[in-house]
Amino acid sequence: MVRKIHELRATPDDVLIAERDQVAVNTTVGTSYYMEELQRRQVERSIQASHRLAVAGLVLAVINAIVAVVAVVIALAA
C-alpha cells in the first residue's frame, strides 16, 4: 500500500514503524542499510553536540552581560 504524501506525513511514527517492521520480514538488505543507520546516528550525535554548544554560548553571553553591567556599576561608583 502506498500512501499519498499528505497521508504519509499525517501518519504517526508508531504506525509507520509497525508497518515497516511487518514489511521488513520479507526484505533483504545490503551493506548500505547499515551504513545509513550509522550515518543517521552520527547526524543525531552532531545535532546534540551543536545544541550543547549553542547552550554553552548562550550561558557565556549571559555571564558576559552580567559582568559588563557589574563593571559599569563599579566604574560609576568609583
PDB file of N, CA and C in Angstrom:
ATOM      1  N   MET A   1       0.845  -1.179   0.000  1.00  0.00           N
ATOM      2  CA  MET A   1       0.000   0.000   0.000  1.00  0.00           C
ATOM      3  C   MET A   1       0.891   1.244   0.000  1.00  0.00           C
ATOM      4  N   VAL A   2       0.624   2.115  -0.915  1.00  0.00           N
ATOM      5  CA  VAL A   2       1.368   3.368  -0.995  1.00  0.00           C
ATOM      6  C   VAL A   2       0.428   4.495  -0.593  1.00  0.00           C
ATOM      7  N   ARG A   3       0.881   5.297   0.338  1.00  0.00           N
ATOM      8  CA  ARG A   3       0.071   6.419   0.811  1.00  0.00           C
ATOM      9  C   ARG A   3       0.385   7.669   0.003  1.00  0.00           C
ATOM     10  N   LYS A   4      -0.584   8.539  -0.066  1.00  0.00           N
ATOM     11  CA  LYS A   4      -0.332   9.852  -0.642  1.00  0.00           C
ATOM     12  C   LYS A   4       0.557  10.602   0.337  1.00  0.00           C
ATOM     13  N   ILE A   5       1.289  11.575  -0.170  1.00  0.00           N
ATOM     14  CA  ILE A   5       2.264  12.285   0.664  1.00  0.00           C
ATOM     15  C   ILE A   5       1.611  12.913   1.884  1.00  0.00           C
ATOM     16  N   HIS A   6       0.475  13.574   1.726  1.00  0.00           N
ATOM     17  CA  HIS A   6      -0.154  14.218   2.894  1.00  0.00           C
ATOM     18  C   HIS A   6      -0.618  13.177   3.904  1.00  0.00           C
ATOM     19  N   GLU A   7      -1.031  11.982   3.433  1.00  0.00           N
ATOM     20  CA  GLU A   7      -1.413  10.913   4.362  1.00  0.00           C
ATOM     21  C   GLU A   7      -0.183  10.358   5.080  1.00  0.00           C
ATOM     22  N   LEU A   8       0.897  10.185   4.320  1.00  0.00           N
ATOM     23  CA  LEU A   8       2.140   9.678   4.906  1.00  0.00           C
ATOM     24  C   LEU A   8       2.650  10.611   5.998  1.00  0.00           C
ATOM     25  N   ARG A   9       2.631  11.904   5.727  1.00  0.00           N
ATOM     26  CA  ARG A   9       3.124  12.878   6.711  1.00  0.00           C
ATOM     27  C   ARG A   9       2.220  12.984   7.925  1.00  0.00           C
ATOM     28  N   ALA A  10       0.941  12.647   7.760  1.00  0.00           N
ATOM     29  CA  ALA A  10      -0.005  12.713   8.875  1.00  0.00           C
ATOM     30  C   ALA A  10      -0.001  11.437   9.714  1.00  0.00           C
ATOM     31  N   THR A  11       0.627  10.390   9.226  1.00  0.00           N
ATOM     32  CA  THR A  11       0.649   9.109   9.935  1.00  0.00           C
ATOM     33  C   THR A  11       1.601   9.190  11.120  1.00  0.00           C
ATOM     34  N   PRO A  12       1.161   8.756  12.300  1.00  0.00           N
ATOM     35  CA  PRO A  12       2.031   8.784  13.487  1.00  0.00           C
ATOM     36  C   PRO A  12       3.262   7.889  13.307  1.00  0.00           C
ATOM     37  N   ASP A  13       4.333   8.237  13.979  1.00  0.00           N
ATOM     38  CA  ASP A  13       5.579   7.485  13.887  1.00  0.00           C
ATOM     39  C   ASP A  13       5.384   6.015  14.255  1.00  0.00           C
ATOM     40  N   ASP A  14       4.631   5.752  15.314  1.00  0.00           N
ATOM     41  CA  ASP A  14       4.433   4.371  15.768  1.00  0.00           C
ATOM     42  C   ASP A  14       3.790   3.507  14.692  1.00  0.00           C
ATOM     43  N   VAL A  15       2.847   4.081  13.952  1.00  0.00           N
ATOM     44  CA  VAL A  15       2.182   3.334  12.882  1.00  0.00           C
ATOM     45  C   VAL A  15       3.160   3.038  11.753  1.00  0.00           C
ATOM     46  N   LEU A  16       3.949   4.029  11.378  1.00  0.00           N
ATOM     47  CA  LEU A  16       4.939   3.820  10.321  1.00  0.00           C
ATOM     48  C   LEU A  16       5.971   2.775  10.725  1.00  0.00           C
ATOM     49  N   ILE A  17       6.402   2.804  11.967  1.00  0.00           N
ATOM     50  CA  ILE A  17       7.384   1.834  12.449  1.00  0.00           C
ATOM     51  C   ILE A  17       6.798   0.429  12.420  1.00  0.00           C
ATOM     52  N   ALA A  18       5.550   0.285  12.857  1.00  0.00           N
ATOM     53  CA  ALA A  18       4.901  -1.026  12.855  1.00  0.00           C
ATOM     54  C   ALA A  18       4.744  -1.554  11.431  1.00  0.00           C
ATOM     55  N   GLU A  19       4.347  -0.700  10.502  1.00  0.00           N
ATOM     56  CA  GLU A  19       4.198  -1.121   9.111  1.00  0.00           C
ATOM     57  C   GLU A  19       5.552  -1.504   8.512  1.00  0.00           C
ATOM     58  N   ARG A  20       6.574  -0.737   8.818  1.00  0.00           N
ATOM     59  CA  ARG A  20       7.917  -1.043   8.322  1.00  0.00           C
ATOM     60  C   ARG A  20       8.391  -2.383   8.844  1.00  0.00           C
ATOM     61  N   ASP A  21       8.148  -2.656  10.128  1.00  0.00           N
ATOM     62  CA  ASP A  21       8.571  -3.919  10.718  1.00  0.00           C
ATOM     63  C   ASP A  21       7.860  -5.106  10.070  1.00  0.00           C
ATOM     64  N   GLN A  22       6.602  -4.934   9.685  1.00  0.00           N
ATOM     65  CA  GLN A  22       5.865  -6.008   9.007  1.00  0.00           C
ATOM     66  C   GLN A  22       6.459  -6.288   7.633  1.00  0.00           C
ATOM     67  N   VAL A  23       6.791  -5.246   6.893  1.00  0.00           N
ATOM     68  CA  VAL A  23       7.351  -5.396   5.558  1.00  0.00           C
ATOM     69  C   VAL A  23       8.777  -5.938   5.624  1.00  0.00           C
ATOM     70  N   ALA A  24       9.518  -5.579   6.658  1.00  0.00           N
ATOM     71  CA  ALA A  24      10.931  -5.946   6.769  1.00  0.00           C
ATOM     72  C   ALA A  24      11.145  -7.450   6.898  1.00  0.00           C
ATOM     73  N   VAL A  25      10.121  -8.182   7.323  1.00  0.00           N
ATOM     74  CA  VAL A  25      10.254  -9.626   7.485  1.00  0.00           C
ATOM     75  C   VAL A  25      10.604 -10.282   6.147  1.00  0.00           C
ATOM     76  N   ASN A  26      10.093  -9.746   5.063  1.00  0.00           N
ATOM     77  CA  ASN A  26      10.313 -10.323   3.733  1.00  0.00           C
ATOM     78  C   ASN A  26      11.323  -9.532   2.907  1.00  0.00           C
ATOM     79  N   THR A  27      12.189  -8.787   3.563  1.00  0.00           N
ATOM     80  CA  THR A  27      13.129  -7.917   2.859  1.00  0.00           C
ATOM     81  C   THR A  27      14.557  -8.335   3.167  1.00  0.00           C
ATOM     82  N   THR A  28      15.406  -8.287   2.136  1.00  0.00           N
ATOM     83  CA  THR A  28      16.834  -8.496   2.371  1.00  0.00           C
ATOM     84  C   THR A  28      17.524  -7.149   2.236  1.00  0.00           C
ATOM     85  N   VAL A  29      18.611  -6.986   2.957  1.00  0.00           N
ATOM     86  CA  VAL A  29      19.304  -5.703   2.959  1.00  0.00           C
ATOM     87  C   VAL A  29      20.745  -5.884   2.535  1.00  0.00           C
ATOM     88  N   GLY A  30      21.316  -4.806   2.034  1.00  0.00           N
ATOM     89  CA  GLY A  30      22.726  -4.785   1.682  1.00  0.00           C
ATOM     90  C   GLY A  30      23.501  -4.009   2.727  1.00  0.00           C
ATOM     91  N   THR A  31      24.751  -3.777   2.438  1.00  0.00           N
ATOM     92  CA  THR A  31      25.598  -3.074   3.405  1.00  0.00           C
ATOM     93  C   THR A  31      25.190  -1.615   3.565  1.00  0.00           C
ATOM     94  N   SER A  32      24.549  -1.034   2.561  1.00  0.00           N
ATOM     95  CA  SER A  32      24.145   0.371   2.678  1.00  0.00           C
ATOM     96  C   SER A  32      23.132   0.557   3.804  1.00  0.00           C
ATOM     97  N   TYR A  33      22.370  -0.473   4.119  1.00  0.00           N
ATOM     98  CA  TYR A  33      21.404  -0.419   5.212  1.00  0.00           C
ATOM     99  C   TYR A  33      22.116  -0.069   6.519  1.00  0.00           C
ATOM    100  N   TYR A  34      23.232  -0.733   6.763  1.00  0.00           N
ATOM    101  CA  TYR A  34      23.990  -0.491   7.993  1.00  0.00           C
ATOM    102  C   TYR A  34      24.716   0.847   7.942  1.00  0.00           C
ATOM    103  N   MET A  35      25.228   1.194   6.770  1.00  0.00           N
ATOM    104  CA  MET A  35      25.920   2.475   6.629  1.00  0.00           C
ATOM    105  C   MET A  35      24.956   3.639   6.845  1.00  0.00           C
ATOM    106  N   GLU A  36      23.736   3.522   6.341  1.00  0.00           N
ATOM    107  CA  GLU A  36      22.748   4.586   6.530  1.00  0.00           C
ATOM    108  C   GLU A  36      22.375   4.736   8.001  1.00  0.00           C
ATOM    109  N   GLU A  37      22.264   3.616   8.709  1.00  0.00           N
ATOM    110  CA  GLU A  37      21.956   3.693  10.138  1.00  0.00           C
ATOM    111  C   GLU A  37      23.110   4.332  10.906  1.00  0.00           C
ATOM    112  N   LEU A  38      24.341   3.970  10.572  1.00  0.00           N
ATOM    113  CA  LEU A  38      25.495   4.588  11.225  1.00  0.00           C
ATOM    114  C   LEU A  38      25.539   6.085  10.936  1.00  0.00           C
ATOM    115  N   GLN A  39      25.221   6.470   9.701  1.00  0.00           N
ATOM    116  CA  GLN A  39      25.209   7.887   9.355  1.00  0.00           C
ATOM    117  C   GLN A  39      24.103   8.620  10.117  1.00  0.00           C
ATOM    118  N   ARG A  40      22.935   8.004  10.233  1.00  0.00           N
ATOM    119  CA  ARG A  40      21.830   8.621  10.980  1.00  0.00           C
ATOM    120  C   ARG A  40      22.228   8.851  12.434  1.00  0.00           C
ATOM    121  N   ARG A  41      22.899   7.873  13.022  1.00  0.00           N
ATOM    122  CA  ARG A  41      23.330   8.018  14.412  1.00  0.00           C
ATOM    123  C   ARG A  41      24.374   9.124  14.550  1.00  0.00           C
ATOM    124  N   GLN A  42      25.291   9.217  13.576  1.00  0.00           N
ATOM    125  CA  GLN A  42      26.308  10.270  13.608  1.00  0.00           C
ATOM    126  C   GLN A  42      25.662  11.646  13.492  1.00  0.00           C
ATOM    127  N   VAL A  43      24.679  11.780  12.617  1.00  0.00           N
ATOM    128  CA  VAL A  43      23.974  13.057  12.463  1.00  0.00           C
ATOM    129  C   VAL A  43      23.269  13.423  13.771  1.00  0.00           C
ATOM    130  N   GLU A  44      22.647  12.433  14.411  1.00  0.00           N
ATOM    131  CA  GLU A  44      21.972  12.687  15.685  1.00  0.00           C
ATOM    132  C   GLU A  44      22.962  13.165  16.741  1.00  0.00           C
ATOM    133  N   ARG A  45      24.129  12.523  16.812  1.00  0.00           N
ATOM    134  CA  ARG A  45      25.153  12.960  17.773  1.00  0.00           C
ATOM    135  C   ARG A  45      25.653  14.363  17.442  1.00  0.00           C
ATOM    136  N   SER A  46      25.792  14.669  16.163  1.00  0.00           N
ATOM    137  CA  SER A  46      26.241  16.008  15.756  1.00  0.00           C
ATOM    138  C   SER A  46      25.224  17.074  16.138  1.00  0.00           C
ATOM    139  N   ILE A  47      23.961  16.764  15.960  1.00  0.00           N
ATOM    140  CA  ILE A  47      22.903  17.711  16.339  1.00  0.00           C
ATOM    141  C   ILE A  47      22.929  17.955  17.843  1.00  0.00           C
ATOM    142  N   GLN A  48      23.091  16.898  18.618  1.00  0.00           N
ATOM    143  CA  GLN A  48      23.154  17.051  20.073  1.00  0.00           C
ATOM    144  C   GLN A  48      24.376  17.885  20.480  1.00  0.00           C
ATOM    145  N   ALA A  49      25.504  17.654  19.842  1.00  0.00           N
ATOM    146  CA  ALA A  49      26.714  18.427  20.157  1.00  0.00           C
ATOM    147  C   ALA A  49      26.524  19.894  19.790  1.00  0.00           C
ATOM    148  N   SER A  50      25.886  20.159  18.655  1.00  0.00           N
ATOM    149  CA  SER A  50      25.616  21.545  18.253  1.00  0.00           C
ATOM    150  C   SER A  50      24.689  22.233  19.244  1.00  0.00           C
ATOM    151  N   HIS A  51      23.715  21.497  19.735  1.00  0.00           N
ATOM    152  CA  HIS A  51      22.781  22.070  20.710  1.00  0.00           C
ATOM    153  C   HIS A  51      23.510  22.410  22.006  1.00  0.00           C
ATOM    154  N   ARG A  52      24.360  21.487  22.463  1.00  0.00           N
ATOM    155  CA  ARG A  52      25.138  21.767  23.679  1.00  0.00           C
ATOM    156  C   ARG A  52      26.037  22.985  23.486  1.00  0.00           C
ATOM    157  N   LEU A  53      26.635  23.116  22.329  1.00  0.00           N
ATOM    158  CA  LEU A  53      27.486  24.269  22.036  1.00  0.00           C
ATOM    159  C   LEU A  53      26.671  25.560  22.026  1.00  0.00           C
ATOM    160  N   ALA A  54      25.479  25.518  21.462  1.00  0.00           N
ATOM    161  CA  ALA A  54      24.621  26.704  21.439  1.00  0.00           C
ATOM    162  C   ALA A  54      24.208  27.109  22.850  1.00  0.00           C
ATOM    163  N   VAL A  55      23.882  26.138  23.679  1.00  0.00           N
ATOM    164  CA  VAL A  55      23.508  26.434  25.067  1.00  0.00           C
ATOM    165  C   VAL A  55      24.706  27.028  25.809  1.00  0.00           C
ATOM    166  N   ALA A  56      25.887  26.460  25.599  1.00  0.00           N
ATOM    167  CA  ALA A  56      27.078  26.992  26.253  1.00  0.00           C
ATOM    168  C   ALA A  56      27.353  28.422  25.801  1.00  0.00           C
ATOM    169  N   GLY A  57      27.152  28.707  24.518  1.00  0.00           N
ATOM    170  CA  GLY A  57      27.336  30.070  24.011  1.00  0.00           C
ATOM    171  C   GLY A  57      26.349  31.040  24.632  1.00  0.00           C
ATOM    172  N   LEU A  58      25.117  30.608  24.803  1.00  0.00           N
ATOM    173  CA  LEU A  58      24.106  31.453  25.435  1.00  0.00           C
ATOM    174  C   LEU A  58      24.475  31.740  26.891  1.00  0.00           C
ATOM    175  N   VAL A  59      24.887  30.714  27.610  1.00  0.00           N
ATOM    176  CA  VAL A  59      25.290  30.899  29.012  1.00  0.00           C
ATOM    177  C   VAL A  59      26.473  31.866  29.092  1.00  0.00           C
ATOM    178  N   LEU A  60      27.428  31.703  28.210  1.00  0.00           N
ATOM    179  CA  LEU A  60      28.591  32.594  28.202  1.00  0.00           C
ATOM    180  C   LEU A  60      28.171  34.035  27.911  1.00  0.00           C
ATOM    181  N   ALA A  61      27.257  34.225  26.977  1.00  0.00           N
ATOM    182  CA  ALA A  61      26.789  35.575  26.644  1.00  0.00           C
ATOM    183  C   ALA A  61      26.071  36.216  27.830  1.00  0.00           C
ATOM    184  N   VAL A  62      25.260  35.447  28.535  1.00  0.00           N
ATOM    185  CA  VAL A  62      24.548  35.976  29.699  1.00  0.00           C
ATOM    186  C   VAL A  62      25.541  36.348  30.795  1.00  0.00           C
ATOM    187  N   ILE A  63      26.506  35.486  31.057  1.00  0.00           N
ATOM    188  CA  ILE A  63      27.523  35.787  32.068  1.00  0.00           C
ATOM    189  C   ILE A  63      28.318  37.021  31.679  1.00  0.00           C
ATOM    190  N   ASN A  64      28.661  37.132  30.412  1.00  0.00           N
ATOM    191  CA  ASN A  64      29.409  38.291  29.930  1.00  0.00           C
ATOM    192  C   ASN A  64      28.594  39.569  30.129  1.00  0.00           C
ATOM    193  N   ALA A  65      27.292  39.523  29.862  1.00  0.00           N
ATOM    194  CA  ALA A  65      26.444  40.702  30.054  1.00  0.00           C
ATOM    195  C   ALA A  65      26.385  41.098  31.524  1.00  0.00           C
ATOM    196  N   ILE A  66      26.284  40.113  32.396  1.00  0.00           N
ATOM    197  CA  ILE A  66      26.237  40.401  33.839  1.00  0.00           C
ATOM    198  C   ILE A  66      27.551  41.035  34.285  1.00  0.00           C
ATOM    199  N   VAL A  67      28.666  40.482  33.837  1.00  0.00           N
ATOM    200  CA  VAL A  67      29.975  41.034  34.207  1.00  0.00           C
ATOM    201  C   VAL A  67      30.117  42.461  33.678  1.00  0.00           C
ATOM    202  N   ALA A  68      29.631  42.725  32.476  1.00  0.00           N
ATOM    203  CA  ALA A  68      29.713  44.073  31.899  1.00  0.00           C
ATOM    204  C   ALA A  68      28.899  45.060  32.727  1.00  0.00           C
ATOM    205  N   VAL A  69      27.703  44.652  33.159  1.00  0.00           N
ATOM    206  CA  VAL A  69      26.867  45.542  33.982  1.00  0.00           C
ATOM    207  C   VAL A  69      27.553  45.806  35.317  1.00  0.00           C
ATOM    208  N   VAL A  70      28.116  44.783  35.915  1.00  0.00           N
ATOM    209  CA  VAL A  70      28.826  44.957  37.189  1.00  0.00           C
ATOM    210  C   VAL A  70      30.017  45.895  36.995  1.00  0.00           C
ATOM    211  N   ALA A  71      30.732  45.756  35.894  1.00  0.00           N
ATOM    212  CA  ALA A  71      31.880  46.629  35.627  1.00  0.00           C
ATOM    213  C   ALA A  71      31.443  48.080  35.473  1.00  0.00           C
ATOM    214  N   VAL A  72      30.327  48.301  34.809  1.00  0.00           N
ATOM    215  CA  VAL A  72      29.825  49.677  34.646  1.00  0.00           C
ATOM    216  C   VAL A  72      29.416  50.240  35.992  1.00  0.00           C
ATOM    217  N   VAL A  73      28.756  49.463  36.805  1.00  0.00           N
ATOM    218  CA  VAL A  73      28.328  49.931  38.143  1.00  0.00           C
ATOM    219  C   VAL A  73      29.550  50.268  38.973  1.00  0.00           C
ATOM    220  N   ILE A  74      30.569  49.433  38.960  1.00  0.00           N
ATOM    221  CA  ILE A  74      31.778  49.700  39.721  1.00  0.00           C
ATOM    222  C   ILE A  74      32.482  50.961  39.211  1.00  0.00           C
ATOM    223  N   ALA A  75      32.529  51.136  37.892  1.00  0.00           N
ATOM    224  CA  ALA A  75      33.178  52.310  37.318  1.00  0.00           C
ATOM    225  C   ALA A  75      32.433  53.585  37.684  1.00  0.00           C
ATOM    226  N   LEU A  76      31.127  53.554  37.704  1.00  0.00           N
ATOM    227  CA  LEU A  76      30.346  54.724  38.062  1.00  0.00           C
ATOM    228  C   LEU A  76      30.410  55.028  39.549  1.00  0.00           C
ATOM    229  N   ALA A  77      30.560  53.982  40.357  1.00  0.00           N
ATOM    230  CA  ALA A  77      30.632  54.170  41.800  1.00  0.00           C
ATOM    231  C   ALA A  77      31.993  54.710  42.234  1.00  0.00           C
ATOM    232  N   ALA A  78      32.989  54.498  41.454  1.00  0.00           N
ATOM    233  CA  ALA A  78      34.341  54.916  41.848  1.00  0.00           C
ATOM    234  C   ALA A  78      34.588  56.352  41.594  1.00  0.00           C
TER     235      ALA A  78
END
